[in-house]
N, C-alpha and C. Protein backbone atom coordinates (compact mmCIF):
# COMPACT_ATOMS: atom_id res chain seq x y z
N MET A 1 -11.03 10.42 23.32
CA MET A 1 -10.46 11.29 22.29
C MET A 1 -11.61 11.89 21.47
N GLU A 2 -11.55 13.18 21.25
CA GLU A 2 -12.58 13.83 20.45
C GLU A 2 -12.41 13.47 18.98
N SER A 3 -13.52 13.56 18.24
CA SER A 3 -13.51 13.18 16.83
C SER A 3 -13.69 14.39 15.92
N VAL A 4 -13.08 14.30 14.74
CA VAL A 4 -13.14 15.37 13.74
C VAL A 4 -13.44 14.77 12.37
N TYR A 5 -14.44 15.34 11.71
CA TYR A 5 -14.73 15.03 10.31
C TYR A 5 -13.99 16.08 9.50
N ILE A 6 -13.08 15.65 8.66
CA ILE A 6 -12.27 16.58 7.86
C ILE A 6 -12.91 16.74 6.48
N GLU A 7 -13.40 17.94 6.24
CA GLU A 7 -14.10 18.26 5.00
C GLU A 7 -13.08 18.58 3.90
N THR A 8 -13.50 18.49 2.69
CA THR A 8 -12.67 18.59 1.49
C THR A 8 -11.78 19.82 1.43
N THR A 9 -12.28 20.98 1.83
CA THR A 9 -11.49 22.21 1.69
C THR A 9 -10.21 22.15 2.52
N VAL A 10 -10.25 21.46 3.65
CA VAL A 10 -9.07 21.35 4.49
C VAL A 10 -7.98 20.58 3.75
N ILE A 11 -8.34 19.49 3.13
CA ILE A 11 -7.38 18.68 2.37
C ILE A 11 -6.86 19.49 1.17
N SER A 12 -7.74 20.22 0.53
CA SER A 12 -7.33 21.02 -0.63
C SER A 12 -6.32 22.09 -0.22
N TYR A 13 -6.58 22.78 0.89
CA TYR A 13 -5.64 23.80 1.36
C TYR A 13 -4.31 23.18 1.78
N LEU A 14 -4.37 21.96 2.27
CA LEU A 14 -3.18 21.29 2.75
C LEU A 14 -2.19 21.00 1.63
N VAL A 15 -2.67 20.66 0.46
CA VAL A 15 -1.78 20.22 -0.62
C VAL A 15 -1.61 21.23 -1.76
N SER A 16 -2.40 22.29 -1.76
CA SER A 16 -2.30 23.24 -2.87
C SER A 16 -1.05 24.10 -2.74
N ARG A 17 -0.59 24.59 -3.87
CA ARG A 17 0.59 25.46 -3.82
C ARG A 17 0.21 26.78 -3.17
N PRO A 18 1.16 27.42 -2.53
CA PRO A 18 0.85 28.65 -1.79
C PRO A 18 0.16 29.70 -2.66
N SER A 19 -0.87 30.25 -2.11
CA SER A 19 -1.66 31.24 -2.83
C SER A 19 -1.01 32.61 -2.74
N ARG A 20 -1.29 33.44 -3.74
CA ARG A 20 -0.85 34.84 -3.70
C ARG A 20 -1.82 35.69 -2.89
N ASP A 21 -3.04 35.19 -2.73
CA ASP A 21 -4.04 35.86 -1.91
C ASP A 21 -3.63 35.71 -0.46
N ILE A 22 -3.43 36.81 0.23
CA ILE A 22 -2.89 36.78 1.59
C ILE A 22 -3.79 36.01 2.56
N LEU A 23 -5.10 36.13 2.41
CA LEU A 23 -6.03 35.42 3.29
C LEU A 23 -5.97 33.91 3.04
N VAL A 24 -6.00 33.52 1.79
CA VAL A 24 -5.92 32.10 1.45
C VAL A 24 -4.57 31.53 1.90
N ALA A 25 -3.49 32.29 1.70
CA ALA A 25 -2.17 31.84 2.13
C ALA A 25 -2.13 31.63 3.66
N ALA A 26 -2.78 32.52 4.39
CA ALA A 26 -2.84 32.37 5.84
C ALA A 26 -3.63 31.12 6.23
N HIS A 27 -4.73 30.86 5.53
CA HIS A 27 -5.52 29.66 5.78
C HIS A 27 -4.71 28.41 5.46
N GLN A 28 -3.94 28.45 4.39
CA GLN A 28 -3.08 27.32 4.04
C GLN A 28 -2.05 27.06 5.14
N GLN A 29 -1.44 28.11 5.63
CA GLN A 29 -0.43 27.98 6.68
C GLN A 29 -1.06 27.41 7.96
N THR A 30 -2.22 27.92 8.32
CA THR A 30 -2.92 27.43 9.51
C THR A 30 -3.28 25.95 9.34
N THR A 31 -3.71 25.58 8.15
CA THR A 31 -4.04 24.18 7.86
C THR A 31 -2.81 23.30 8.03
N ASP A 32 -1.70 23.73 7.48
CA ASP A 32 -0.44 22.97 7.62
C ASP A 32 -0.08 22.81 9.10
N GLU A 33 -0.21 23.88 9.87
CA GLU A 33 0.12 23.83 11.30
C GLU A 33 -0.81 22.88 12.04
N TRP A 34 -2.12 22.96 11.76
CA TRP A 34 -3.08 22.09 12.42
C TRP A 34 -2.77 20.63 12.08
N TRP A 35 -2.54 20.36 10.81
CA TRP A 35 -2.27 18.99 10.34
C TRP A 35 -1.03 18.42 11.03
N ALA A 36 0.00 19.24 11.16
CA ALA A 36 1.27 18.79 11.74
C ALA A 36 1.23 18.70 13.26
N SER A 37 0.52 19.63 13.92
CA SER A 37 0.63 19.70 15.37
C SER A 37 -0.61 19.27 16.15
N ARG A 38 -1.78 19.28 15.54
CA ARG A 38 -3.01 19.02 16.29
C ARG A 38 -3.75 17.76 15.84
N ARG A 39 -3.58 17.36 14.62
CA ARG A 39 -4.36 16.25 14.06
C ARG A 39 -4.28 15.00 14.93
N GLN A 40 -3.11 14.70 15.46
CA GLN A 40 -2.92 13.48 16.24
C GLN A 40 -3.69 13.51 17.57
N GLU A 41 -4.18 14.66 17.95
CA GLU A 41 -4.93 14.78 19.20
C GLU A 41 -6.41 14.45 19.03
N PHE A 42 -6.79 14.13 17.79
CA PHE A 42 -8.19 13.82 17.48
C PHE A 42 -8.27 12.51 16.70
N GLU A 43 -9.44 11.90 16.79
CA GLU A 43 -9.74 10.77 15.93
C GLU A 43 -10.36 11.38 14.68
N CYS A 44 -9.66 11.30 13.56
CA CYS A 44 -10.08 11.99 12.33
C CYS A 44 -10.77 11.05 11.36
N PHE A 45 -11.78 11.56 10.68
CA PHE A 45 -12.57 10.80 9.73
C PHE A 45 -12.84 11.62 8.48
N ILE A 46 -13.15 10.91 7.41
CA ILE A 46 -13.66 11.51 6.18
C ILE A 46 -14.88 10.68 5.77
N SER A 47 -15.45 11.01 4.62
CA SER A 47 -16.56 10.22 4.07
C SER A 47 -16.33 10.01 2.58
N GLN A 48 -17.18 9.22 1.99
CA GLN A 48 -17.09 9.02 0.54
C GLN A 48 -17.34 10.33 -0.20
N VAL A 49 -18.11 11.21 0.39
CA VAL A 49 -18.35 12.53 -0.22
C VAL A 49 -17.02 13.27 -0.36
N VAL A 50 -16.20 13.24 0.67
CA VAL A 50 -14.88 13.88 0.62
C VAL A 50 -14.04 13.22 -0.48
N ILE A 51 -14.02 11.92 -0.51
CA ILE A 51 -13.23 11.20 -1.52
C ILE A 51 -13.67 11.59 -2.93
N ASP A 52 -14.99 11.62 -3.16
CA ASP A 52 -15.50 11.99 -4.48
C ASP A 52 -15.07 13.40 -4.86
N GLU A 53 -15.11 14.32 -3.90
CA GLU A 53 -14.74 15.71 -4.19
C GLU A 53 -13.25 15.86 -4.45
N ILE A 54 -12.41 15.17 -3.68
CA ILE A 54 -10.97 15.36 -3.86
C ILE A 54 -10.43 14.62 -5.07
N GLN A 55 -11.18 13.67 -5.60
CA GLN A 55 -10.75 12.98 -6.81
C GLN A 55 -11.08 13.78 -8.07
N ALA A 56 -11.89 14.81 -7.93
CA ALA A 56 -12.27 15.63 -9.09
C ALA A 56 -11.15 16.60 -9.44
N GLY A 57 -11.15 17.05 -10.67
CA GLY A 57 -10.19 18.06 -11.11
C GLY A 57 -8.89 17.47 -11.61
N ASP A 58 -7.86 18.26 -11.54
CA ASP A 58 -6.53 17.91 -12.02
C ASP A 58 -6.05 16.60 -11.40
N ASN A 59 -5.59 15.67 -12.24
CA ASN A 59 -5.16 14.35 -11.76
C ASN A 59 -4.01 14.42 -10.77
N GLU A 60 -3.03 15.26 -11.04
CA GLU A 60 -1.87 15.36 -10.15
C GLU A 60 -2.29 15.91 -8.78
N ALA A 61 -3.13 16.93 -8.78
CA ALA A 61 -3.61 17.50 -7.52
C ALA A 61 -4.48 16.48 -6.78
N ALA A 62 -5.31 15.75 -7.52
CA ALA A 62 -6.16 14.73 -6.90
C ALA A 62 -5.31 13.65 -6.23
N GLU A 63 -4.23 13.27 -6.87
CA GLU A 63 -3.33 12.26 -6.28
C GLU A 63 -2.73 12.76 -4.98
N LYS A 64 -2.33 14.03 -4.94
CA LYS A 64 -1.77 14.61 -3.71
C LYS A 64 -2.82 14.61 -2.60
N ARG A 65 -4.04 14.98 -2.96
CA ARG A 65 -5.11 15.00 -1.96
C ARG A 65 -5.41 13.59 -1.45
N MET A 66 -5.46 12.63 -2.35
CA MET A 66 -5.74 11.24 -1.97
C MET A 66 -4.64 10.70 -1.06
N LYS A 67 -3.41 11.08 -1.33
CA LYS A 67 -2.28 10.61 -0.51
C LYS A 67 -2.44 11.08 0.94
N GLU A 68 -2.90 12.31 1.14
CA GLU A 68 -3.05 12.87 2.49
C GLU A 68 -4.14 12.16 3.29
N ILE A 69 -5.17 11.66 2.63
CA ILE A 69 -6.27 11.03 3.36
C ILE A 69 -6.15 9.52 3.43
N GLY A 70 -5.08 8.99 2.90
CA GLY A 70 -4.92 7.54 2.78
C GLY A 70 -5.16 6.74 4.04
N ASP A 71 -4.80 7.28 5.19
CA ASP A 71 -4.93 6.51 6.44
C ASP A 71 -6.16 6.89 7.26
N LEU A 72 -7.00 7.76 6.75
CA LEU A 72 -8.17 8.20 7.51
C LEU A 72 -9.35 7.26 7.32
N PRO A 73 -10.02 6.86 8.41
CA PRO A 73 -11.20 6.02 8.29
C PRO A 73 -12.33 6.75 7.55
N VAL A 74 -13.10 5.99 6.79
CA VAL A 74 -14.19 6.55 5.98
C VAL A 74 -15.52 6.22 6.66
N LEU A 75 -16.28 7.27 6.99
CA LEU A 75 -17.60 7.09 7.58
C LEU A 75 -18.62 6.73 6.50
N GLU A 76 -19.53 5.87 6.86
CA GLU A 76 -20.56 5.43 5.92
C GLU A 76 -21.63 6.50 5.75
N ALA A 77 -22.05 6.68 4.51
CA ALA A 77 -23.18 7.57 4.23
C ALA A 77 -24.44 6.70 4.32
N SER A 78 -24.93 6.53 5.53
CA SER A 78 -26.06 5.65 5.80
C SER A 78 -27.38 6.25 5.29
N VAL A 79 -28.41 5.44 5.34
CA VAL A 79 -29.75 5.91 4.97
C VAL A 79 -30.16 7.06 5.90
N GLU A 80 -29.83 6.95 7.19
CA GLU A 80 -30.13 8.03 8.14
C GLU A 80 -29.46 9.33 7.71
N ALA A 81 -28.20 9.24 7.29
CA ALA A 81 -27.47 10.43 6.85
C ALA A 81 -28.10 11.01 5.59
N GLU A 82 -28.51 10.15 4.67
CA GLU A 82 -29.17 10.63 3.45
C GLU A 82 -30.47 11.35 3.79
N HIS A 83 -31.25 10.80 4.71
CA HIS A 83 -32.50 11.44 5.11
C HIS A 83 -32.25 12.78 5.80
N LEU A 84 -31.23 12.85 6.62
CA LEU A 84 -30.91 14.10 7.30
C LEU A 84 -30.45 15.15 6.28
N ALA A 85 -29.62 14.77 5.33
CA ALA A 85 -29.17 15.71 4.29
C ALA A 85 -30.37 16.21 3.49
N GLU A 86 -31.29 15.32 3.17
CA GLU A 86 -32.50 15.72 2.44
C GLU A 86 -33.33 16.72 3.25
N ALA A 87 -33.44 16.47 4.55
CA ALA A 87 -34.20 17.39 5.42
C ALA A 87 -33.56 18.77 5.45
N ILE A 88 -32.23 18.81 5.48
CA ILE A 88 -31.51 20.08 5.50
C ILE A 88 -31.76 20.86 4.20
N ILE A 89 -31.74 20.15 3.09
CA ILE A 89 -32.00 20.78 1.78
C ILE A 89 -33.46 21.20 1.65
N GLU A 90 -34.37 20.31 2.04
CA GLU A 90 -35.81 20.62 1.95
C GLU A 90 -36.18 21.84 2.79
N ALA A 91 -35.53 22.01 3.92
CA ALA A 91 -35.80 23.17 4.78
C ALA A 91 -35.12 24.44 4.25
N GLU A 92 -34.35 24.29 3.19
CA GLU A 92 -33.60 25.39 2.57
C GLU A 92 -32.59 26.02 3.52
N ALA A 93 -32.11 25.23 4.48
CA ALA A 93 -31.04 25.71 5.36
C ALA A 93 -29.75 25.81 4.57
N ILE A 94 -29.58 24.90 3.64
CA ILE A 94 -28.46 24.91 2.69
C ILE A 94 -29.08 24.78 1.31
N PRO A 95 -28.62 25.56 0.33
CA PRO A 95 -29.24 25.50 -1.00
C PRO A 95 -29.00 24.16 -1.70
N GLN A 96 -29.92 23.80 -2.57
CA GLN A 96 -29.85 22.55 -3.33
C GLN A 96 -28.51 22.40 -4.05
N LYS A 97 -27.96 23.49 -4.56
CA LYS A 97 -26.69 23.41 -5.29
C LYS A 97 -25.53 22.98 -4.39
N ALA A 98 -25.73 23.07 -3.08
CA ALA A 98 -24.68 22.70 -2.11
C ALA A 98 -25.06 21.41 -1.37
N VAL A 99 -25.70 20.49 -2.07
CA VAL A 99 -26.17 19.25 -1.44
C VAL A 99 -25.03 18.47 -0.80
N ARG A 100 -23.84 18.54 -1.35
CA ARG A 100 -22.71 17.83 -0.75
C ARG A 100 -22.32 18.44 0.60
N ASP A 101 -22.53 19.73 0.75
CA ASP A 101 -22.26 20.36 2.05
C ASP A 101 -23.25 19.85 3.09
N ALA A 102 -24.50 19.70 2.69
CA ALA A 102 -25.50 19.11 3.60
C ALA A 102 -25.11 17.68 3.94
N ALA A 103 -24.57 16.95 2.96
CA ALA A 103 -24.14 15.57 3.20
C ALA A 103 -22.99 15.51 4.20
N HIS A 104 -22.05 16.44 4.11
CA HIS A 104 -20.95 16.47 5.08
C HIS A 104 -21.50 16.59 6.51
N ILE A 105 -22.40 17.53 6.70
CA ILE A 105 -22.99 17.73 8.02
C ILE A 105 -23.75 16.49 8.47
N ALA A 106 -24.56 15.94 7.57
CA ALA A 106 -25.39 14.79 7.92
C ALA A 106 -24.55 13.58 8.30
N VAL A 107 -23.53 13.28 7.54
CA VAL A 107 -22.67 12.13 7.86
C VAL A 107 -22.00 12.33 9.21
N ALA A 108 -21.50 13.53 9.45
CA ALA A 108 -20.85 13.81 10.72
C ALA A 108 -21.84 13.73 11.88
N ALA A 109 -23.03 14.27 11.72
CA ALA A 109 -24.03 14.27 12.78
C ALA A 109 -24.51 12.85 13.10
N VAL A 110 -24.83 12.10 12.09
CA VAL A 110 -25.33 10.73 12.29
C VAL A 110 -24.27 9.85 12.96
N ASN A 111 -23.01 10.12 12.68
CA ASN A 111 -21.92 9.34 13.27
C ASN A 111 -21.42 9.93 14.59
N ASP A 112 -22.14 10.91 15.12
CA ASP A 112 -21.84 11.51 16.41
C ASP A 112 -20.41 12.06 16.50
N ILE A 113 -19.98 12.75 15.45
CA ILE A 113 -18.66 13.37 15.39
C ILE A 113 -18.70 14.69 16.14
N ASP A 114 -17.63 14.99 16.87
CA ASP A 114 -17.59 16.21 17.69
C ASP A 114 -17.42 17.49 16.87
N TYR A 115 -16.52 17.45 15.87
CA TYR A 115 -16.20 18.65 15.08
C TYR A 115 -16.24 18.34 13.59
N LEU A 116 -16.69 19.31 12.82
CA LEU A 116 -16.58 19.26 11.36
C LEU A 116 -15.61 20.38 10.99
N LEU A 117 -14.46 19.99 10.47
CA LEU A 117 -13.39 20.94 10.17
C LEU A 117 -13.47 21.35 8.70
N THR A 118 -13.54 22.65 8.44
CA THR A 118 -13.75 23.14 7.08
C THR A 118 -13.21 24.56 6.91
N TRP A 119 -12.94 24.92 5.66
CA TRP A 119 -12.69 26.32 5.30
C TRP A 119 -13.86 26.84 4.46
N ASN A 120 -14.91 26.06 4.31
CA ASN A 120 -16.08 26.47 3.54
C ASN A 120 -16.95 27.34 4.45
N CYS A 121 -16.77 28.64 4.34
CA CYS A 121 -17.52 29.58 5.19
C CYS A 121 -18.79 30.07 4.52
N ARG A 122 -19.04 29.61 3.33
CA ARG A 122 -20.27 30.00 2.64
C ARG A 122 -21.45 29.14 3.09
N HIS A 123 -21.25 27.81 3.11
CA HIS A 123 -22.36 26.91 3.45
C HIS A 123 -22.14 26.07 4.70
N LEU A 124 -20.94 26.09 5.26
CA LEU A 124 -20.69 25.25 6.43
C LEU A 124 -20.34 26.08 7.66
N ALA A 125 -19.19 26.70 7.69
CA ALA A 125 -18.78 27.52 8.84
C ALA A 125 -19.41 28.91 8.70
N ASN A 126 -20.72 28.94 8.79
CA ASN A 126 -21.51 30.15 8.57
C ASN A 126 -22.54 30.23 9.70
N ALA A 127 -22.45 31.23 10.53
CA ALA A 127 -23.27 31.32 11.74
C ALA A 127 -24.76 31.20 11.47
N GLN A 128 -25.26 31.84 10.43
CA GLN A 128 -26.69 31.78 10.14
C GLN A 128 -27.11 30.38 9.71
N ILE A 129 -26.30 29.75 8.89
CA ILE A 129 -26.63 28.40 8.44
C ILE A 129 -26.51 27.41 9.59
N ILE A 130 -25.47 27.55 10.39
CA ILE A 130 -25.27 26.64 11.52
C ILE A 130 -26.49 26.63 12.43
N ARG A 131 -27.02 27.79 12.69
CA ARG A 131 -28.19 27.89 13.57
C ARG A 131 -29.37 27.11 13.00
N SER A 132 -29.66 27.31 11.72
CA SER A 132 -30.79 26.63 11.08
C SER A 132 -30.57 25.12 11.01
N VAL A 133 -29.38 24.72 10.64
CA VAL A 133 -29.08 23.29 10.50
C VAL A 133 -29.12 22.61 11.86
N SER A 134 -28.68 23.28 12.89
CA SER A 134 -28.70 22.72 14.23
C SER A 134 -30.12 22.38 14.67
N VAL A 135 -31.06 23.24 14.37
CA VAL A 135 -32.47 23.00 14.69
C VAL A 135 -32.96 21.74 13.98
N ILE A 136 -32.60 21.59 12.71
CA ILE A 136 -33.02 20.42 11.93
C ILE A 136 -32.39 19.14 12.50
N CYS A 137 -31.11 19.19 12.78
CA CYS A 137 -30.43 18.02 13.35
C CYS A 137 -31.09 17.60 14.67
N ASN A 138 -31.33 18.57 15.53
CA ASN A 138 -31.95 18.28 16.83
C ASN A 138 -33.35 17.69 16.65
N ALA A 139 -34.12 18.23 15.72
CA ALA A 139 -35.48 17.73 15.48
C ALA A 139 -35.46 16.29 14.98
N LYS A 140 -34.39 15.91 14.30
CA LYS A 140 -34.26 14.54 13.77
C LYS A 140 -33.56 13.62 14.76
N GLY A 141 -33.19 14.14 15.93
CA GLY A 141 -32.60 13.31 16.97
C GLY A 141 -31.08 13.21 16.94
N PHE A 142 -30.44 14.14 16.26
CA PHE A 142 -28.97 14.13 16.17
C PHE A 142 -28.39 15.42 16.72
N SER A 143 -27.19 15.32 17.26
CA SER A 143 -26.44 16.50 17.66
C SER A 143 -25.55 16.92 16.50
N MET A 144 -25.64 18.16 16.12
CA MET A 144 -24.79 18.64 15.04
C MET A 144 -23.38 18.83 15.57
N PRO A 145 -22.37 18.44 14.79
CA PRO A 145 -21.00 18.69 15.24
C PRO A 145 -20.72 20.18 15.29
N VAL A 146 -19.74 20.56 16.06
CA VAL A 146 -19.28 21.95 16.06
C VAL A 146 -18.58 22.15 14.71
N ILE A 147 -19.07 23.09 13.93
CA ILE A 147 -18.48 23.36 12.62
C ILE A 147 -17.49 24.50 12.80
N CYS A 148 -16.24 24.24 12.44
CA CYS A 148 -15.19 25.22 12.70
C CYS A 148 -14.07 25.11 11.67
N THR A 149 -13.22 26.10 11.67
CA THR A 149 -12.04 26.12 10.81
C THR A 149 -10.86 25.56 11.59
N PRO A 150 -9.78 25.17 10.90
CA PRO A 150 -8.58 24.73 11.62
C PRO A 150 -8.08 25.77 12.62
N GLU A 151 -8.24 27.03 12.29
CA GLU A 151 -7.80 28.10 13.19
C GLU A 151 -8.55 28.03 14.52
N GLU A 152 -9.82 27.71 14.47
CA GLU A 152 -10.62 27.63 15.68
C GLU A 152 -10.35 26.37 16.50
N LEU A 153 -9.70 25.40 15.88
CA LEU A 153 -9.44 24.13 16.55
C LEU A 153 -7.94 23.96 16.84
N MET A 154 -7.24 25.09 16.95
CA MET A 154 -5.81 25.04 17.21
C MET A 154 -5.48 24.78 18.68
N GLY A 155 -6.46 24.91 19.55
CA GLY A 155 -6.21 24.67 20.98
C GLY A 155 -5.76 25.93 21.68
N VAL A 156 -5.37 25.74 22.92
CA VAL A 156 -4.97 26.90 23.73
C VAL A 156 -3.47 26.98 23.87
């Protein structure tokens, strides 16, 4: 069974109220469909970074997000993952202000996860960044997961 690291934005889209923005609303709908119809086809994981991010903000919304991830195994943020995240930041593949995004990639890569599922197209599902980060992961001896959106992982 293939593995998926579920990044914070996916959980946020899953539980947030429908957006008036047509693009965001479409992403929310796709997320709901993926969660209902495809999630069971993968071994899904999160990390403490995801937990920290979804616990932030409005308490009621945080509770909804926490409820959705309740049964997902939590990957350890090992020393190897910390070093890989630092290398990604030091190489400026991802900006320092997005250190948690580097951590998502590093935890997934170190744990040999197949896919990193996200709606973060600024620092994660971004072709230019993916290329740079992949080089860093390979140089450190890790395979970078395929970074994609739920739409891309809907299957055939």
